[in-house]
Amino acid sequence: MEALRKIVSVKNRTINIVLPDDFDASEVEVIIFPSNKSDRDEYKVPQWQIDRVRERTDKYLKNPNDVDEINDFLKEIEDEL
């Protein structure tokens, strides 16, 4: 599953988000930031990072029980603290 990013209009302190037809999650996490057009134009996720996330997602979806990579990552962070 890839993350969705949408810029939506706020009307009367309410937003409406339409999800793609193939979106089948029963629960989602929503994080709301005020939009700033100049920030959107300046910030771009590097392609290598997008590719890496897709690769890791594919690997996880093929074998959800194989979580060695995330465990290694969490241990590395813990060691740095």
PDB file of N, CA and C in Angstrom:
ATOM      1  N   MET A   1       0.846  -1.179   0.000  1.00  0.00           N
ATOM      2  CA  MET A   1       0.000   0.000   0.000  1.00  0.00           C
ATOM      3  C   MET A   1       0.886   1.236   0.000  1.00  0.00           C
ATOM      4  N   GLU A   2       0.590   2.123  -0.893  1.00  0.00           N
ATOM      5  CA  GLU A   2       1.323   3.375  -0.944  1.00  0.00           C
ATOM      6  C   GLU A   2       0.547   4.439  -0.186  1.00  0.00           C
ATOM      7  N   ALA A   3       1.270   5.397   0.346  1.00  0.00           N
ATOM      8  CA  ALA A   3       0.617   6.510   1.032  1.00  0.00           C
ATOM      9  C   ALA A   3      -0.044   7.416  -0.002  1.00  0.00           C
ATOM     10  N   LEU A   4      -1.123   8.040   0.410  1.00  0.00           N
ATOM     11  CA  LEU A   4      -1.806   9.005  -0.439  1.00  0.00           C
ATOM     12  C   LEU A   4      -1.526  10.395   0.099  1.00  0.00           C
ATOM     13  N   ARG A   5      -1.298  11.318  -0.800  1.00  0.00           N
ATOM     14  CA  ARG A   5      -1.131  12.706  -0.382  1.00  0.00           C
ATOM     15  C   ARG A   5      -2.101  13.536  -1.197  1.00  0.00           C
ATOM     16  N   LYS A   6      -2.937  14.276  -0.521  1.00  0.00           N
ATOM     17  CA  LYS A   6      -3.924  15.099  -1.197  1.00  0.00           C
ATOM     18  C   LYS A   6      -3.924  16.487  -0.582  1.00  0.00           C
ATOM     19  N   ILE A   7      -4.114  17.465  -1.414  1.00  0.00           N
ATOM     20  CA  ILE A   7      -4.345  18.826  -0.953  1.00  0.00           C
ATOM     21  C   ILE A   7      -5.830  19.066  -1.161  1.00  0.00           C
ATOM     22  N   VAL A   8      -6.559  19.312  -0.091  1.00  0.00           N
ATOM     23  CA  VAL A   8      -8.009  19.486  -0.187  1.00  0.00           C
ATOM     24  C   VAL A   8      -8.409  20.833   0.397  1.00  0.00           C
ATOM     25  N   SER A   9      -9.534  21.331  -0.059  1.00  0.00           N
ATOM     26  CA  SER A   9     -10.048  22.608   0.439  1.00  0.00           C
ATOM     27  C   SER A   9     -10.814  22.389   1.734  1.00  0.00           C
ATOM     28  N   VAL A  10     -10.697  23.345   2.633  1.00  0.00           N
ATOM     29  CA  VAL A  10     -11.430  23.316   3.893  1.00  0.00           C
ATOM     30  C   VAL A  10     -12.613  24.259   3.751  1.00  0.00           C
ATOM     31  N   LYS A  11     -13.797  23.756   4.067  1.00  0.00           N
ATOM     32  CA  LYS A  11     -15.013  24.576   4.029  1.00  0.00           C
ATOM     33  C   LYS A  11     -15.751  24.384   5.334  1.00  0.00           C
ATOM     34  N   ASN A  12     -15.942  25.480   6.045  1.00  0.00           N
ATOM     35  CA  ASN A  12     -16.611  25.423   7.348  1.00  0.00           C
ATOM     36  C   ASN A  12     -15.920  24.431   8.281  1.00  0.00           C
ATOM     37  N   ARG A  13     -14.581  24.489   8.293  1.00  0.00           N
ATOM     38  CA  ARG A  13     -13.757  23.622   9.132  1.00  0.00           C
ATOM     39  C   ARG A  13     -14.004  22.139   8.876  1.00  0.00           C
ATOM     40  N   THR A  14     -14.359  21.789   7.638  1.00  0.00           N
ATOM     41  CA  THR A  14     -14.628  20.405   7.264  1.00  0.00           C
ATOM     42  C   THR A  14     -13.881  20.086   5.980  1.00  0.00           C
ATOM     43  N   ILE A  15     -13.380  18.841   5.896  1.00  0.00           N
ATOM     44  CA  ILE A  15     -12.749  18.380   4.663  1.00  0.00           C
ATOM     45  C   ILE A  15     -13.439  17.110   4.200  1.00  0.00           C
ATOM     46  N   ASN A  16     -13.328  16.830   2.910  1.00  0.00           N
ATOM     47  CA  ASN A  16     -13.874  15.614   2.330  1.00  0.00           C
ATOM     48  C   ASN A  16     -12.776  14.974   1.493  1.00  0.00           C
ATOM     49  N   ILE A  17     -12.457  13.716   1.802  1.00  0.00           N
ATOM     50  CA  ILE A  17     -11.409  13.004   1.073  1.00  0.00           C
ATOM     51  C   ILE A  17     -12.022  11.783   0.413  1.00  0.00           C
ATOM     52  N   VAL A  18     -11.908  11.708  -0.901  1.00  0.00           N
ATOM     53  CA  VAL A  18     -12.403  10.559  -1.649  1.00  0.00           C
ATOM     54  C   VAL A  18     -11.228   9.632  -1.910  1.00  0.00           C
ATOM     55  N   LEU A  19     -11.367   8.388  -1.489  1.00  0.00           N
ATOM     56  CA  LEU A  19     -10.296   7.408  -1.631  1.00  0.00           C
ATOM     57  C   LEU A  19     -10.429   6.642  -2.946  1.00  0.00           C
ATOM     58  N   PRO A  20      -9.310   6.152  -3.479  1.00  0.00           N
ATOM     59  CA  PRO A  20      -9.358   5.385  -4.735  1.00  0.00           C
ATOM     60  C   PRO A  20     -10.199   4.118  -4.582  1.00  0.00           C
ATOM     61  N   ASP A  21     -10.733   3.621  -5.688  1.00  0.00           N
ATOM     62  CA  ASP A  21     -11.577   2.423  -5.667  1.00  0.00           C
ATOM     63  C   ASP A  21     -10.874   1.217  -5.066  1.00  0.00           C
ATOM     64  N   ASP A  22      -9.556   1.102  -5.269  1.00  0.00           N
ATOM     65  CA  ASP A  22      -8.832  -0.076  -4.773  1.00  0.00           C
ATOM     66  C   ASP A  22      -8.353   0.079  -3.334  1.00  0.00           C
ATOM     67  N   PHE A  23      -8.749   1.144  -2.679  1.00  0.00           N
ATOM     68  CA  PHE A  23      -8.354   1.364  -1.284  1.00  0.00           C
ATOM     69  C   PHE A  23      -9.301   0.569  -0.400  1.00  0.00           C
ATOM     70  N   ASP A  24      -8.770  -0.416   0.340  1.00  0.00           N
ATOM     71  CA  ASP A  24      -9.654  -1.299   1.104  1.00  0.00           C
ATOM     72  C   ASP A  24      -9.361  -1.343   2.606  1.00  0.00           C
ATOM     73  N   ALA A  25      -8.574  -0.426   3.110  1.00  0.00           N
ATOM     74  CA  ALA A  25      -8.285  -0.408   4.549  1.00  0.00           C
ATOM     75  C   ALA A  25      -9.543  -0.009   5.316  1.00  0.00           C
ATOM     76  N   SER A  26      -9.732  -0.595   6.466  1.00  0.00           N
ATOM     77  CA  SER A  26     -10.905  -0.261   7.277  1.00  0.00           C
ATOM     78  C   SER A  26     -10.606   0.862   8.272  1.00  0.00           C
ATOM     79  N   GLU A  27      -9.331   1.211   8.403  1.00  0.00           N
ATOM     80  CA  GLU A  27      -8.941   2.282   9.322  1.00  0.00           C
ATOM     81  C   GLU A  27      -7.722   2.984   8.728  1.00  0.00           C
ATOM     82  N   VAL A  28      -7.666   4.301   8.896  1.00  0.00           N
ATOM     83  CA  VAL A  28      -6.540   5.068   8.375  1.00  0.00           C
ATOM     84  C   VAL A  28      -6.064   6.051   9.430  1.00  0.00           C
ATOM     85  N   GLU A  29      -4.841   6.511   9.267  1.00  0.00           N
ATOM     86  CA  GLU A  29      -4.299   7.567  10.114  1.00  0.00           C
ATOM     87  C   GLU A  29      -4.297   8.841   9.291  1.00  0.00           C
ATOM     88  N   VAL A  30      -4.831   9.903   9.867  1.00  0.00           N
ATOM     89  CA  VAL A  30      -4.911  11.172   9.158  1.00  0.00           C
ATOM     90  C   VAL A  30      -4.061  12.193   9.904  1.00  0.00           C
ATOM     91  N   ILE A  31      -3.158  12.829   9.180  1.00  0.00           N
ATOM     92  CA  ILE A  31      -2.333  13.895   9.739  1.00  0.00           C
ATOM     93  C   ILE A  31      -2.626  15.138   8.919  1.00  0.00           C
ATOM     94  N   ILE A  32      -2.968  16.224   9.580  1.00  0.00           N
ATOM     95  CA  ILE A  32      -3.371  17.432   8.859  1.00  0.00           C
ATOM     96  C   ILE A  32      -2.383  18.557   9.133  1.00  0.00           C
ATOM     97  N   PHE A  33      -1.849  19.118   8.049  1.00  0.00           N
ATOM     98  CA  PHE A  33      -0.972  20.277   8.111  1.00  0.00           C
ATOM     99  C   PHE A  33      -1.585  21.375   7.253  1.00  0.00           C
ATOM    100  N   PRO A  34      -1.444  22.614   7.663  1.00  0.00           N
ATOM    101  CA  PRO A  34      -1.878  23.683   6.757  1.00  0.00           C
ATOM    102  C   PRO A  34      -1.043  23.613   5.481  1.00  0.00           C
ATOM    103  N   SER A  35      -1.685  23.836   4.365  1.00  0.00           N
ATOM    104  CA  SER A  35      -0.991  23.775   3.087  1.00  0.00           C
ATOM    105  C   SER A  35      -0.387  25.128   2.757  1.00  0.00           C
ATOM    106  N   ASN A  36       0.808  25.066   2.217  1.00  0.00           N
ATOM    107  CA  ASN A  36       1.476  26.276   1.769  1.00  0.00           C
ATOM    108  C   ASN A  36       2.005  25.970   0.382  1.00  0.00           C
ATOM    109  N   LYS A  37       1.442  26.609  -0.616  1.00  0.00           N
ATOM    110  CA  LYS A  37       1.798  26.293  -2.001  1.00  0.00           C
ATOM    111  C   LYS A  37       3.302  26.347  -2.233  1.00  0.00           C
ATOM    112  N   SER A  38       3.977  27.317  -1.664  1.00  0.00           N
ATOM    113  CA  SER A  38       5.419  27.407  -1.899  1.00  0.00           C
ATOM    114  C   SER A  38       6.149  26.199  -1.308  1.00  0.00           C
ATOM    115  N   ASP A  39       5.687  25.691  -0.162  1.00  0.00           N
ATOM    116  CA  ASP A  39       6.301  24.493   0.412  1.00  0.00           C
ATOM    117  C   ASP A  39       6.103  23.287  -0.495  1.00  0.00           C
ATOM    118  N   ARG A  40       4.910  23.149  -1.074  1.00  0.00           N
ATOM    119  CA  ARG A  40       4.622  22.028  -1.959  1.00  0.00           C
ATOM    120  C   ARG A  40       5.518  22.064  -3.186  1.00  0.00           C
ATOM    121  N   ASP A  41       5.731  23.249  -3.712  1.00  0.00           N
ATOM    122  CA  ASP A  41       6.543  23.377  -4.908  1.00  0.00           C
ATOM    123  C   ASP A  41       8.019  23.084  -4.631  1.00  0.00           C
ATOM    124  N   GLU A  42       8.484  23.389  -3.422  1.00  0.00           N
ATOM    125  CA  GLU A  42       9.888  23.211  -3.089  1.00  0.00           C
ATOM    126  C   GLU A  42      10.229  21.796  -2.661  1.00  0.00           C
ATOM    127  N   TYR A  43       9.325  21.106  -1.974  1.00  0.00           N
ATOM    128  CA  TYR A  43       9.642  19.802  -1.417  1.00  0.00           C
ATOM    129  C   TYR A  43       9.253  18.692  -2.381  1.00  0.00           C
ATOM    130  N   LYS A  44      10.213  17.898  -2.740  1.00  0.00           N
ATOM    131  CA  LYS A  44       9.989  16.739  -3.600  1.00  0.00           C
ATOM    132  C   LYS A  44      10.683  15.541  -2.963  1.00  0.00           C
ATOM    133  N   VAL A  45       9.967  14.423  -2.880  1.00  0.00           N
ATOM    134  CA  VAL A  45      10.568  13.199  -2.361  1.00  0.00           C
ATOM    135  C   VAL A  45      11.488  12.650  -3.446  1.00  0.00           C
ATOM    136  N   PRO A  46      12.750  12.379  -3.101  1.00  0.00           N
ATOM    137  CA  PRO A  46      13.684  11.860  -4.106  1.00  0.00           C
ATOM    138  C   PRO A  46      13.204  10.510  -4.655  1.00  0.00           C
ATOM    139  N   GLN A  47      13.424  10.285  -5.922  1.00  0.00           N
ATOM    140  CA  GLN A  47      12.977   9.046  -6.566  1.00  0.00           C
ATOM    141  C   GLN A  47      13.582   7.814  -5.909  1.00  0.00           C
ATOM    142  N   TRP A  48      14.858   7.886  -5.480  1.00  0.00           N
ATOM    143  CA  TRP A  48      15.482   6.725  -4.837  1.00  0.00           C
ATOM    144  C   TRP A  48      14.728   6.342  -3.575  1.00  0.00           C
ATOM    145  N   GLN A  49      14.189   7.347  -2.861  1.00  0.00           N
ATOM    146  CA  GLN A  49      13.467   7.071  -1.626  1.00  0.00           C
ATOM    147  C   GLN A  49      12.109   6.437  -1.931  1.00  0.00           C
ATOM    148  N   ILE A  50      11.442   6.930  -2.946  1.00  0.00           N
ATOM    149  CA  ILE A  50      10.170   6.343  -3.380  1.00  0.00           C
ATOM    150  C   ILE A  50      10.394   4.887  -3.784  1.00  0.00           C
ATOM    151  N   ASP A  51      11.446   4.635  -4.557  1.00  0.00           N
ATOM    152  CA  ASP A  51      11.755   3.275  -5.002  1.00  0.00           C
ATOM    153  C   ASP A  51      12.031   2.353  -3.822  1.00  0.00           C
ATOM    154  N   ARG A  52      12.780   2.854  -2.855  1.00  0.00           N
ATOM    155  CA  ARG A  52      13.129   2.038  -1.682  1.00  0.00           C
ATOM    156  C   ARG A  52      11.890   1.681  -0.867  1.00  0.00           C
ATOM    157  N   VAL A  53      10.994   2.631  -0.681  1.00  0.00           N
ATOM    158  CA  VAL A  53       9.758   2.360   0.070  1.00  0.00           C
ATOM    159  C   VAL A  53       8.904   1.340  -0.674  1.00  0.00           C
ATOM    160  N   ARG A  54       8.806   1.476  -1.984  1.00  0.00           N
ATOM    161  CA  ARG A  54       8.036   0.506  -2.777  1.00  0.00           C
ATOM    162  C   ARG A  54       8.655  -0.886  -2.688  1.00  0.00           C
ATOM    163  N   GLU A  55       9.979  -0.952  -2.737  1.00  0.00           N
ATOM    164  CA  GLU A  55      10.679  -2.231  -2.634  1.00  0.00           C
ATOM    165  C   GLU A  55      10.405  -2.883  -1.271  1.00  0.00           C
ATOM    166  N   ARG A  56      10.502  -2.099  -0.223  1.00  0.00           N
ATOM    167  CA  ARG A  56      10.256  -2.639   1.124  1.00  0.00           C
ATOM    168  C   ARG A  56       8.798  -3.055   1.290  1.00  0.00           C
ATOM    169  N   THR A  57       7.885  -2.282   0.723  1.00  0.00           N
ATOM    170  CA  THR A  57       6.460  -2.621   0.809  1.00  0.00           C
ATOM    171  C   THR A  57       6.191  -3.934   0.084  1.00  0.00           C
ATOM    172  N   ASP A  58       6.730  -4.085  -1.116  1.00  0.00           N
ATOM    173  CA  ASP A  58       6.557  -5.329  -1.865  1.00  0.00           C
ATOM    174  C   ASP A  58       7.106  -6.521  -1.083  1.00  0.00           C
ATOM    175  N   LYS A  59       8.281  -6.342  -0.512  1.00  0.00           N
ATOM    176  CA  LYS A  59       8.912  -7.413   0.268  1.00  0.00           C
ATOM    177  C   LYS A  59       8.040  -7.790   1.465  1.00  0.00           C
ATOM    178  N   TYR A  60       7.504  -6.792   2.147  1.00  0.00           N
ATOM    179  CA  TYR A  60       6.648  -7.051   3.302  1.00  0.00           C
ATOM    180  C   TYR A  60       5.360  -7.757   2.882  1.00  0.00           C
ATOM    181  N   LEU A  61       4.742  -7.291   1.807  1.00  0.00           N
ATOM    182  CA  LEU A  61       3.483  -7.891   1.371  1.00  0.00           C
ATOM    183  C   LEU A  61       3.664  -9.347   0.943  1.00  0.00           C
ATOM    184  N   LYS A  62       4.827  -9.679   0.423  1.00  0.00           N
ATOM    185  CA  LYS A  62       5.107 -11.066   0.030  1.00  0.00           C
ATOM    186  C   LYS A  62       5.337 -11.959   1.239  1.00  0.00           C
ATOM    187  N   ASN A  63       5.872 -11.390   2.320  1.00  0.00           N
ATOM    188  CA  ASN A  63       6.152 -12.182   3.518  1.00  0.00           C
ATOM    189  C   ASN A  63       6.049 -11.294   4.763  1.00  0.00           C
ATOM    190  N   PRO A  64       4.823 -11.052   5.247  1.00  0.00           N
ATOM    191  CA  PRO A  64       4.634 -10.165   6.404  1.00  0.00           C
ATOM    192  C   PRO A  64       5.300 -10.655   7.695  1.00  0.00           C
ATOM    193  N   ASN A  65       5.612 -11.940   7.762  1.00  0.00           N
ATOM    194  CA  ASN A  65       6.239 -12.477   8.971  1.00  0.00           C
ATOM    195  C   ASN A  65       7.736 -12.222   9.014  1.00  0.00           C
ATOM    196  N   ASP A  66       8.314 -11.830   7.896  1.00  0.00           N
ATOM    197  CA  ASP A  66       9.753 -11.553   7.834  1.00  0.00           C
ATOM    198  C   ASP A  66       9.984 -10.081   8.146  1.00  0.00           C
ATOM    199  N   VAL A  67      10.223  -9.811   9.415  1.00  0.00           N
ATOM    200  CA  VAL A  67      10.379  -8.416   9.839  1.00  0.00           C
ATOM    201  C   VAL A  67      11.802  -8.115  10.294  1.00  0.00           C
ATOM    202  N   ASP A  68      12.745  -8.887   9.805  1.00  0.00           N
ATOM    203  CA  ASP A  68      14.137  -8.686  10.210  1.00  0.00           C
ATOM    204  C   ASP A  68      14.623  -7.285   9.873  1.00  0.00           C
ATOM    205  N   GLU A  69      14.277  -6.789   8.705  1.00  0.00           N
ATOM    206  CA  GLU A  69      14.775  -5.490   8.275  1.00  0.00           C
ATOM    207  C   GLU A  69      14.304  -4.382   9.218  1.00  0.00           C
ATOM    208  N   ILE A  70      13.038  -4.388   9.607  1.00  0.00           N
ATOM    209  CA  ILE A  70      12.540  -3.352  10.509  1.00  0.00           C
ATOM    210  C   ILE A  70      13.150  -3.518  11.893  1.00  0.00           C
ATOM    211  N   ASN A  71      13.341  -4.754  12.324  1.00  0.00           N
ATOM    212  CA  ASN A  71      13.961  -4.972  13.629  1.00  0.00           C
ATOM    213  C   ASN A  71      15.395  -4.454  13.643  1.00  0.00           C
ATOM    214  N   ASP A  72      16.124  -4.690  12.557  1.00  0.00           N
ATOM    215  CA  ASP A  72      17.491  -4.165  12.447  1.00  0.00           C
ATOM    216  C   ASP A  72      17.488  -2.643  12.479  1.00  0.00           C
ATOM    217  N   PHE A  73      16.551  -2.050  11.765  1.00  0.00           N
ATOM    218  CA  PHE A  73      16.432  -0.598  11.721  1.00  0.00           C
ATOM    219  C   PHE A  73      16.128  -0.038  13.115  1.00  0.00           C
ATOM    220  N   LEU A  74      15.179  -0.635  13.819  1.00  0.00           N
ATOM    221  CA  LEU A  74      14.820  -0.152  15.158  1.00  0.00           C
ATOM    222  C   LEU A  74      15.983  -0.318  16.133  1.00  0.00           C
ATOM    223  N   LYS A  75      16.734  -1.423  16.024  1.00  0.00           N
ATOM    224  CA  LYS A  75      17.886  -1.609  16.890  1.00  0.00           C
ATOM    225  C   LYS A  75      18.950  -0.544  16.613  1.00  0.00           C
ATOM    226  N   GLU A  76      19.147  -0.223  15.338  1.00  0.00           N
ATOM    227  CA  GLU A  76      20.118   0.805  14.980  1.00  0.00           C
ATOM    228  C   GLU A  76      19.732   2.160  15.602  1.00  0.00           C
ATOM    229  N   ILE A  77      18.468   2.487  15.539  1.00  0.00           N
ATOM    230  CA  ILE A  77      18.003   3.749  16.139  1.00  0.00           C
ATOM    231  C   ILE A  77      18.200   3.713  17.646  1.00  0.00           C
ATOM    232  N   GLU A  78      17.817   2.595  18.257  1.00  0.00           N
ATOM    233  CA  GLU A  78      17.947   2.450  19.704  1.00  0.00           C
ATOM    234  C   GLU A  78      19.400   2.592  20.150  1.00  0.00           C
ATOM    235  N   ASP A  79      20.321   2.024  19.383  1.00  0.00           N
ATOM    236  CA  ASP A  79      21.742   2.095  19.713  1.00  0.00           C
ATOM    237  C   ASP A  79      22.260   3.530  19.644  1.00  0.00           C
ATOM    238  N   GLU A  80      21.658   4.347  18.781  1.00  0.00           N
ATOM    239  CA  GLU A  80      22.097   5.718  18.641  1.00  0.00           C
ATOM    240  C   GLU A  80      21.586   6.631  19.754  1.00  0.00           C
ATOM    241  N   LEU A  81      20.583   6.177  20.485  1.00  0.00           N
ATOM    242  CA  LEU A  81      20.021   7.010  21.566  1.00  0.00           C
ATOM    243  C   LEU A  81      20.867   7.013  22.811  1.00  0.00           C
TER     244      LEU A  81
END
